[in-house]
All heavy atoms as atom14 arrays in JSON, in Angstrom:
{
  "sequence": "APGQTVAFLGTSGVGKSTLVNALFGSEQAE",
  "atom14_mask": [
    [1, 1, 1, 1, 1, 0, 0, 0, 0, 0, 0, 0, 0, 0],
    [1, 1, 1, 1, 1, 1, 1, 0, 0, 0, 0, 0, 0, 0],
    [1, 1, 1, 1, 0, 0, 0, 0, 0, 0, 0, 0, 0, 0],
    [1, 1, 1, 1, 1, 1, 1, 1, 1, 0, 0, 0, 0, 0],
    [1, 1, 1, 1, 1, 1, 1, 0, 0, 0, 0, 0, 0, 0],
    [1, 1, 1, 1, 1, 1, 1, 0, 0, 0, 0, 0, 0, 0],
    [1, 1, 1, 1, 1, 0, 0, 0, 0, 0, 0, 0, 0, 0],
    [1, 1, 1, 1, 1, 1, 1, 1, 1, 1, 1, 0, 0, 0],
    [1, 1, 1, 1, 1, 1, 1, 1, 0, 0, 0, 0, 0, 0],
    [1, 1, 1, 1, 0, 0, 0, 0, 0, 0, 0, 0, 0, 0],
    [1, 1, 1, 1, 1, 1, 1, 0, 0, 0, 0, 0, 0, 0],
    [1, 1, 1, 1, 1, 1, 0, 0, 0, 0, 0, 0, 0, 0],
    [1, 1, 1, 1, 0, 0, 0, 0, 0, 0, 0, 0, 0, 0],
    [1, 1, 1, 1, 1, 1, 1, 0, 0, 0, 0, 0, 0, 0],
    [1, 1, 1, 1, 0, 0, 0, 0, 0, 0, 0, 0, 0, 0],
    [1, 1, 1, 1, 1, 1, 1, 1, 1, 0, 0, 0, 0, 0],
    [1, 1, 1, 1, 1, 1, 0, 0, 0, 0, 0, 0, 0, 0],
    [1, 1, 1, 1, 1, 1, 1, 0, 0, 0, 0, 0, 0, 0],
    [1, 1, 1, 1, 1, 1, 1, 1, 0, 0, 0, 0, 0, 0],
    [1, 1, 1, 1, 1, 1, 1, 0, 0, 0, 0, 0, 0, 0],
    [1, 1, 1, 1, 1, 1, 1, 1, 0, 0, 0, 0, 0, 0],
    [1, 1, 1, 1, 1, 0, 0, 0, 0, 0, 0, 0, 0, 0],
    [1, 1, 1, 1, 1, 1, 1, 1, 0, 0, 0, 0, 0, 0],
    [1, 1, 1, 1, 1, 1, 1, 1, 1, 1, 1, 0, 0, 0],
    [1, 1, 1, 1, 0, 0, 0, 0, 0, 0, 0, 0, 0, 0],
    [1, 1, 1, 1, 1, 1, 0, 0, 0, 0, 0, 0, 0, 0],
    [1, 1, 1, 1, 1, 1, 1, 1, 1, 0, 0, 0, 0, 0],
    [1, 1, 1, 1, 1, 1, 1, 1, 1, 0, 0, 0, 0, 0],
    [1, 1, 1, 1, 1, 0, 0, 0, 0, 0, 0, 0, 0, 0],
    [1, 1, 1, 1, 1, 1, 1, 1, 1, 0, 0, 0, 0, 0]
  ],
  "atom14_positions": [
    [[70.53, 151.73, 167.38], [69.48, 151.29, 168.3], [68.27, 150.8, 167.51], [68.06, 151.2, 166.35], [69.07, 152.43, 169.22], [0.0, 0.0, 0.0], [0.0, 0.0, 0.0], [0.0, 0.0, 0.0], [0.0, 0.0, 0.0], [0.0, 0.0, 0.0], [0.0, 0.0, 0.0], [0.0, 0.0, 0.0], [0.0, 0.0, 0.0], [0.0, 0.0, 0.0]],
    [[67.45, 149.93, 168.1], [66.23, 149.46, 167.43], [65.35, 150.64, 167.02], [65.21, 151.62, 167.75], [65.55, 148.61, 168.52], [66.67, 148.11, 169.36], [67.65, 149.26, 169.4], [0.0, 0.0, 0.0], [0.0, 0.0, 0.0], [0.0, 0.0, 0.0], [0.0, 0.0, 0.0], [0.0, 0.0, 0.0], [0.0, 0.0, 0.0], [0.0, 0.0, 0.0]],
    [[64.75, 150.54, 165.84], [63.9, 151.6, 165.33], [64.63, 152.63, 164.5], [64.0, 153.49, 163.88], [0.0, 0.0, 0.0], [0.0, 0.0, 0.0], [0.0, 0.0, 0.0], [0.0, 0.0, 0.0], [0.0, 0.0, 0.0], [0.0, 0.0, 0.0], [0.0, 0.0, 0.0], [0.0, 0.0, 0.0], [0.0, 0.0, 0.0], [0.0, 0.0, 0.0]],
    [[65.96, 152.57, 164.48], [66.76, 153.52, 163.7], [67.0, 153.01, 162.28], [66.95, 151.8, 162.02], [68.11, 153.75, 164.38], [68.01, 154.44, 165.73], [67.61, 155.9, 165.59], [68.36, 156.73, 165.1], [66.39, 156.21, 166.04], [0.0, 0.0, 0.0], [0.0, 0.0, 0.0], [0.0, 0.0, 0.0], [0.0, 0.0, 0.0], [0.0, 0.0, 0.0]],
    [[67.26, 153.94, 161.38], [67.65, 153.61, 160.02], [69.02, 154.22, 159.75], [69.21, 155.42, 159.92], [66.65, 154.15, 158.99], [65.37, 153.53, 159.21], [67.11, 153.84, 157.57], [0.0, 0.0, 0.0], [0.0, 0.0, 0.0], [0.0, 0.0, 0.0], [0.0, 0.0, 0.0], [0.0, 0.0, 0.0], [0.0, 0.0, 0.0], [0.0, 0.0, 0.0]],
    [[69.97, 153.39, 159.36], [71.33, 153.86, 159.07], [71.66, 153.57, 157.61], [71.14, 152.61, 157.03], [72.37, 153.21, 160.0], [72.06, 153.52, 161.46], [72.44, 151.69, 159.79], [0.0, 0.0, 0.0], [0.0, 0.0, 0.0], [0.0, 0.0, 0.0], [0.0, 0.0, 0.0], [0.0, 0.0, 0.0], [0.0, 0.0, 0.0], [0.0, 0.0, 0.0]],
    [[72.51, 154.4, 157.04], [72.92, 154.21, 155.65], [74.44, 154.22, 155.56], [75.1, 154.98, 156.29], [72.34, 155.32, 154.78], [0.0, 0.0, 0.0], [0.0, 0.0, 0.0], [0.0, 0.0, 0.0], [0.0, 0.0, 0.0], [0.0, 0.0, 0.0], [0.0, 0.0, 0.0], [0.0, 0.0, 0.0], [0.0, 0.0, 0.0], [0.0, 0.0, 0.0]],
    [[74.98, 153.4, 154.69], [76.41, 153.39, 154.42], [76.64, 154.05, 153.06], [76.14, 153.58, 152.04], [76.95, 151.95, 154.41], [76.98, 151.32, 155.78], [76.0, 150.44, 156.19], [78.0, 151.63, 156.67], [76.02, 149.87, 157.45], [78.03, 151.07, 157.95], [77.04, 150.19, 158.33], [0.0, 0.0, 0.0], [0.0, 0.0, 0.0], [0.0, 0.0, 0.0]],
    [[77.39, 155.16, 153.07], [77.68, 155.91, 151.85], [79.18, 155.89, 151.59], [79.98, 155.89, 152.52], [77.21, 157.36, 151.99], [75.75, 157.6, 152.38], [75.51, 159.1, 152.57], [74.81, 157.04, 151.33], [0.0, 0.0, 0.0], [0.0, 0.0, 0.0], [0.0, 0.0, 0.0], [0.0, 0.0, 0.0], [0.0, 0.0, 0.0], [0.0, 0.0, 0.0]],
    [[79.55, 155.9, 150.32], [80.97, 155.93, 149.98], [81.19, 155.36, 148.59], [80.25, 154.97, 147.9], [0.0, 0.0, 0.0], [0.0, 0.0, 0.0], [0.0, 0.0, 0.0], [0.0, 0.0, 0.0], [0.0, 0.0, 0.0], [0.0, 0.0, 0.0], [0.0, 0.0, 0.0], [0.0, 0.0, 0.0], [0.0, 0.0, 0.0], [0.0, 0.0, 0.0]],
    [[82.43, 155.32, 148.18], [82.76, 154.79, 146.86], [82.82, 153.27, 146.92], [82.69, 152.65, 147.98], [84.11, 155.35, 146.38], [85.11, 155.07, 147.37], [84.04, 156.85, 146.16], [0.0, 0.0, 0.0], [0.0, 0.0, 0.0], [0.0, 0.0, 0.0], [0.0, 0.0, 0.0], [0.0, 0.0, 0.0], [0.0, 0.0, 0.0], [0.0, 0.0, 0.0]],
    [[83.02, 152.64, 145.78], [83.09, 151.19, 145.7], [84.35, 150.66, 146.37], [85.41, 151.28, 146.29], [83.06, 150.73, 144.24], [81.87, 151.14, 143.62], [0.0, 0.0, 0.0], [0.0, 0.0, 0.0], [0.0, 0.0, 0.0], [0.0, 0.0, 0.0], [0.0, 0.0, 0.0], [0.0, 0.0, 0.0], [0.0, 0.0, 0.0], [0.0, 0.0, 0.0]],
    [[84.22, 149.52, 147.02], [85.39, 148.83, 147.56], [85.89, 149.31, 148.89], [86.95, 148.86, 149.34], [0.0, 0.0, 0.0], [0.0, 0.0, 0.0], [0.0, 0.0, 0.0], [0.0, 0.0, 0.0], [0.0, 0.0, 0.0], [0.0, 0.0, 0.0], [0.0, 0.0, 0.0], [0.0, 0.0, 0.0], [0.0, 0.0, 0.0], [0.0, 0.0, 0.0]],
    [[85.16, 150.21, 149.57], [85.63, 150.72, 150.86], [85.14, 149.88, 152.03], [85.53, 150.11, 153.18], [85.22, 152.2, 151.08], [85.9, 153.09, 150.06], [83.71, 152.35, 151.03], [0.0, 0.0, 0.0], [0.0, 0.0, 0.0], [0.0, 0.0, 0.0], [0.0, 0.0, 0.0], [0.0, 0.0, 0.0], [0.0, 0.0, 0.0], [0.0, 0.0, 0.0]],
    [[84.27, 148.91, 151.74], [83.82, 148.01, 152.8], [82.4, 148.23, 153.28], [82.03, 147.76, 154.36], [0.0, 0.0, 0.0], [0.0, 0.0, 0.0], [0.0, 0.0, 0.0], [0.0, 0.0, 0.0], [0.0, 0.0, 0.0], [0.0, 0.0, 0.0], [0.0, 0.0, 0.0], [0.0, 0.0, 0.0], [0.0, 0.0, 0.0], [0.0, 0.0, 0.0]],
    [[81.55, 148.93, 152.49], [80.18, 149.19, 152.92], [79.4, 147.89, 153.11], [78.73, 147.68, 154.13], [79.47, 150.09, 151.91], [80.13, 151.45, 151.7], [79.28, 152.38, 150.87], [78.95, 151.84, 149.5], [80.16, 151.65, 148.68], [0.0, 0.0, 0.0], [0.0, 0.0, 0.0], [0.0, 0.0, 0.0], [0.0, 0.0, 0.0], [0.0, 0.0, 0.0]],
    [[79.46, 147.01, 152.11], [78.72, 145.75, 152.2], [79.27, 144.85, 153.3], [78.52, 144.13, 153.96], [78.76, 145.02, 150.85], [78.09, 145.77, 149.85], [0.0, 0.0, 0.0], [0.0, 0.0, 0.0], [0.0, 0.0, 0.0], [0.0, 0.0, 0.0], [0.0, 0.0, 0.0], [0.0, 0.0, 0.0], [0.0, 0.0, 0.0], [0.0, 0.0, 0.0]],
    [[80.57, 144.9, 153.52], [81.17, 144.13, 154.6], [80.64, 144.61, 155.95], [80.38, 143.81, 156.87], [82.71, 144.25, 154.57], [83.18, 143.77, 153.3], [83.34, 143.43, 155.68], [0.0, 0.0, 0.0], [0.0, 0.0, 0.0], [0.0, 0.0, 0.0], [0.0, 0.0, 0.0], [0.0, 0.0, 0.0], [0.0, 0.0, 0.0], [0.0, 0.0, 0.0]],
    [[80.45, 145.92, 156.09], [79.91, 146.48, 157.32], [78.45, 146.07, 157.52], [78.02, 145.78, 158.64], [80.03, 148.0, 157.31], [81.44, 148.55, 157.53], [81.49, 150.04, 157.2], [81.9, 148.32, 158.96], [0.0, 0.0, 0.0], [0.0, 0.0, 0.0], [0.0, 0.0, 0.0], [0.0, 0.0, 0.0], [0.0, 0.0, 0.0], [0.0, 0.0, 0.0]],
    [[77.69, 146.04, 156.43], [76.3, 145.58, 156.52], [76.27, 144.16, 157.06], [75.52, 143.83, 157.99], [75.61, 145.63, 155.13], [74.25, 144.94, 155.19], [75.44, 147.07, 154.67], [0.0, 0.0, 0.0], [0.0, 0.0, 0.0], [0.0, 0.0, 0.0], [0.0, 0.0, 0.0], [0.0, 0.0, 0.0], [0.0, 0.0, 0.0], [0.0, 0.0, 0.0]],
    [[77.11, 143.3, 156.5], [77.16, 141.91, 156.95], [77.62, 141.8, 158.4], [77.15, 140.94, 159.15], [78.08, 141.1, 156.05], [77.54, 140.95, 154.64], [76.33, 141.03, 154.42], [78.42, 140.75, 153.67], [0.0, 0.0, 0.0], [0.0, 0.0, 0.0], [0.0, 0.0, 0.0], [0.0, 0.0, 0.0], [0.0, 0.0, 0.0], [0.0, 0.0, 0.0]],
    [[78.54, 142.68, 158.8], [79.05, 142.64, 160.17], [77.95, 142.97, 161.17], [77.86, 142.36, 162.24], [80.21, 143.61, 160.33], [0.0, 0.0, 0.0], [0.0, 0.0, 0.0], [0.0, 0.0, 0.0], [0.0, 0.0, 0.0], [0.0, 0.0, 0.0], [0.0, 0.0, 0.0], [0.0, 0.0, 0.0], [0.0, 0.0, 0.0], [0.0, 0.0, 0.0]],
    [[77.08, 143.93, 160.85], [76.0, 144.29, 161.75], [74.94, 143.21, 161.82], [74.26, 143.06, 162.84], [75.37, 145.62, 161.32], [76.25, 146.87, 161.45], [75.46, 148.12, 161.06], [76.79, 147.01, 162.86], [0.0, 0.0, 0.0], [0.0, 0.0, 0.0], [0.0, 0.0, 0.0], [0.0, 0.0, 0.0], [0.0, 0.0, 0.0], [0.0, 0.0, 0.0]],
    [[74.8, 142.44, 160.74], [73.85, 141.33, 160.74], [74.44, 140.07, 161.36], [73.71, 139.23, 161.89], [73.42, 141.01, 159.31], [72.22, 141.77, 158.85], [72.36, 142.98, 158.21], [70.94, 141.29, 159.05], [71.27, 143.71, 157.79], [69.83, 142.0, 158.63], [69.99, 143.21, 157.99], [0.0, 0.0, 0.0], [0.0, 0.0, 0.0], [0.0, 0.0, 0.0]],
    [[75.77, 139.94, 161.27], [76.38, 138.7, 161.71], [76.17, 137.59, 160.71], [76.33, 136.4, 161.02], [0.0, 0.0, 0.0], [0.0, 0.0, 0.0], [0.0, 0.0, 0.0], [0.0, 0.0, 0.0], [0.0, 0.0, 0.0], [0.0, 0.0, 0.0], [0.0, 0.0, 0.0], [0.0, 0.0, 0.0], [0.0, 0.0, 0.0], [0.0, 0.0, 0.0]],
    [[75.82, 137.95, 159.48], [75.6, 136.97, 158.41], [75.77, 137.66, 157.06], [75.84, 138.88, 156.98], [74.21, 136.35, 158.52], [73.21, 137.34, 158.34], [0.0, 0.0, 0.0], [0.0, 0.0, 0.0], [0.0, 0.0, 0.0], [0.0, 0.0, 0.0], [0.0, 0.0, 0.0], [0.0, 0.0, 0.0], [0.0, 0.0, 0.0], [0.0, 0.0, 0.0]],
    [[75.82, 136.86, 156.0], [76.01, 137.4, 154.66], [74.69, 137.92, 154.1], [73.86, 137.16, 153.62], [76.59, 136.32, 153.73], [78.0, 135.88, 154.08], [79.02, 136.99, 153.91], [78.91, 137.75, 152.92], [79.92, 137.1, 154.75], [0.0, 0.0, 0.0], [0.0, 0.0, 0.0], [0.0, 0.0, 0.0], [0.0, 0.0, 0.0], [0.0, 0.0, 0.0]],
    [[74.48, 139.2, 154.18], [73.29, 139.84, 153.63], [73.59, 140.53, 152.3], [72.75, 140.63, 151.43], [72.75, 140.87, 154.61], [72.26, 140.28, 155.92], [70.99, 139.5, 155.77], [70.1, 139.86, 155.0], [70.87, 138.41, 156.51], [0.0, 0.0, 0.0], [0.0, 0.0, 0.0], [0.0, 0.0, 0.0], [0.0, 0.0, 0.0], [0.0, 0.0, 0.0]],
    [[74.81, 141.03, 152.18], [75.19, 141.79, 150.99], [76.45, 141.17, 150.38], [77.34, 140.71, 151.1], [75.45, 143.25, 151.35], [0.0, 0.0, 0.0], [0.0, 0.0, 0.0], [0.0, 0.0, 0.0], [0.0, 0.0, 0.0], [0.0, 0.0, 0.0], [0.0, 0.0, 0.0], [0.0, 0.0, 0.0], [0.0, 0.0, 0.0], [0.0, 0.0, 0.0]],
    [[76.5, 141.17, 149.06], [77.65, 140.6, 148.36], [78.87, 141.5, 148.54], [78.76, 142.74, 148.49], [77.33, 140.45, 146.88], [78.45, 139.8, 146.08], [78.12, 139.7, 144.61], [76.99, 140.04, 144.22], [79.01, 139.29, 143.83], [0.0, 0.0, 0.0], [0.0, 0.0, 0.0], [0.0, 0.0, 0.0], [0.0, 0.0, 0.0], [0.0, 0.0, 0.0]]
  ]
}
C-alpha cells in the first residue's frame, strides 16, 4: 500500500531485482 516500505531479501539469482521491476512496471534494477 502507499506509504509502506518493503524489502526483498534472499540469495543471488532468486529473482529479487525482477520482482522490483515487476512492481514498478519498468526496468529499475538490473
